[in-house]
């Protein structure tokens, strides 16, 4: 993750992170989309989406 974070900053890249680990997601992302059965159910800044119940 450290390498991806560095490359993201240096090269102004976007990062798509797929994970069930909300701590990891909130540490490395600016925005989050929560999916349910392949459909976006919630979207927003990482903390507001990560702390809401599904």
C-alpha atoms as a PDB file:
ATOM      1  CA  UNK A   1       0.000   0.000   0.000  1.00  0.00           C
ATOM      2  CA  UNK A   2       2.888   2.361   0.673  1.00  0.00           C
ATOM      3  CA  UNK A   3       4.150   1.984  -2.899  1.00  0.00           C
ATOM      4  CA  UNK A   4       0.688   2.569  -4.338  1.00  0.00           C
ATOM      5  CA  UNK A   5       0.235   5.655  -2.147  1.00  0.00           C
ATOM      6  CA  UNK A   6       3.581   7.062  -3.289  1.00  0.00           C
ATOM      7  CA  UNK A   7       2.887   6.395  -6.970  1.00  0.00           C
ATOM      8  CA  UNK A   8      -0.562   7.900  -6.630  1.00  0.00           C
ATOM      9  CA  UNK A   9       0.889  11.120  -5.250  1.00  0.00           C
ATOM     10  CA  UNK A  10       3.885  11.335  -7.592  1.00  0.00           C
ATOM     11  CA  UNK A  11       2.012  10.553 -10.807  1.00  0.00           C
ATOM     12  CA  UNK A  12      -1.396  11.959  -9.860  1.00  0.00           C
ATOM     13  CA  UNK A  13      -3.014   8.562 -10.368  1.00  0.00           C
ATOM     14  CA  UNK A  14      -6.407   7.289  -9.322  1.00  0.00           C
ATOM     15  CA  UNK A  15      -6.589   4.159  -7.227  1.00  0.00           C
ATOM     16  CA  UNK A  16      -9.470   1.709  -7.201  1.00  0.00           C
ATOM     17  CA  UNK A  17      -9.400  -0.342  -4.016  1.00  0.00           C
ATOM     18  CA  UNK A  18     -11.761  -3.275  -3.569  1.00  0.00           C
ATOM     19  CA  UNK A  19     -11.839  -4.502   0.011  1.00  0.00           C
ATOM     20  CA  UNK A  20     -14.006  -5.649   2.882  1.00  0.00           C
ATOM     21  CA  UNK A  21     -11.546  -4.038   5.325  1.00  0.00           C
ATOM     22  CA  UNK A  22     -13.111  -0.667   6.154  1.00  0.00           C
ATOM     23  CA  UNK A  23     -10.063   0.481   8.148  1.00  0.00           C
ATOM     24  CA  UNK A  24      -7.901  -0.008   5.064  1.00  0.00           C
ATOM     25  CA  UNK A  25     -10.436   1.677   2.806  1.00  0.00           C
ATOM     26  CA  UNK A  26     -10.790   4.769   4.985  1.00  0.00           C
ATOM     27  CA  UNK A  27      -7.017   5.083   5.414  1.00  0.00           C
ATOM     28  CA  UNK A  28      -6.235   5.114   1.676  1.00  0.00           C
ATOM     29  CA  UNK A  29      -9.233   6.626  -0.101  1.00  0.00           C
ATOM     30  CA  UNK A  30     -10.900   9.997  -0.564  1.00  0.00           C
ATOM     31  CA  UNK A  31     -14.296   8.625  -1.519  1.00  0.00           C
ATOM     32  CA  UNK A  32     -16.109   5.317  -1.181  1.00  0.00           C
ATOM     33  CA  UNK A  33     -18.850   3.463  -2.994  1.00  0.00           C
ATOM     34  CA  UNK A  34     -20.515   0.606  -1.149  1.00  0.00           C
ATOM     35  CA  UNK A  35     -21.894  -2.144  -3.349  1.00  0.00           C
ATOM     36  CA  UNK A  36     -24.643  -4.651  -2.737  1.00  0.00           C
ATOM     37  CA  UNK A  37     -25.189  -7.397  -5.303  1.00  0.00           C
ATOM     38  CA  UNK A  38     -23.046  -5.479  -7.784  1.00  0.00           C
ATOM     39  CA  UNK A  39     -24.994  -2.212  -7.494  1.00  0.00           C
ATOM     40  CA  UNK A  40     -23.888   1.010  -5.832  1.00  0.00           C
ATOM     41  CA  UNK A  41     -25.960   1.432  -2.665  1.00  0.00           C
ATOM     42  CA  UNK A  42     -24.062   4.328  -1.041  1.00  0.00           C
ATOM     43  CA  UNK A  43     -21.451   6.813  -2.187  1.00  0.00           C
ATOM     44  CA  UNK A  44     -19.651   9.694  -0.516  1.00  0.00           C
ATOM     45  CA  UNK A  45     -16.600  10.646   1.476  1.00  0.00           C
ATOM     46  CA  UNK A  46     -14.930   7.679   3.111  1.00  0.00           C
ATOM     47  CA  UNK A  47     -15.980   8.191   6.723  1.00  0.00           C
ATOM     48  CA  UNK A  48     -19.657   8.958   6.098  1.00  0.00           C
ATOM     49  CA  UNK A  49     -20.149   5.862   3.937  1.00  0.00           C
ATOM     50  CA  UNK A  50     -17.941   3.565   6.015  1.00  0.00           C
ATOM     51  CA  UNK A  51     -19.796   4.309   9.246  1.00  0.00           C
ATOM     52  CA  UNK A  52     -23.345   3.874   7.891  1.00  0.00           C
ATOM     53  CA  UNK A  53     -25.051   0.531   8.157  1.00  0.00           C
ATOM     54  CA  UNK A  54     -25.689  -1.232   4.834  1.00  0.00           C
END
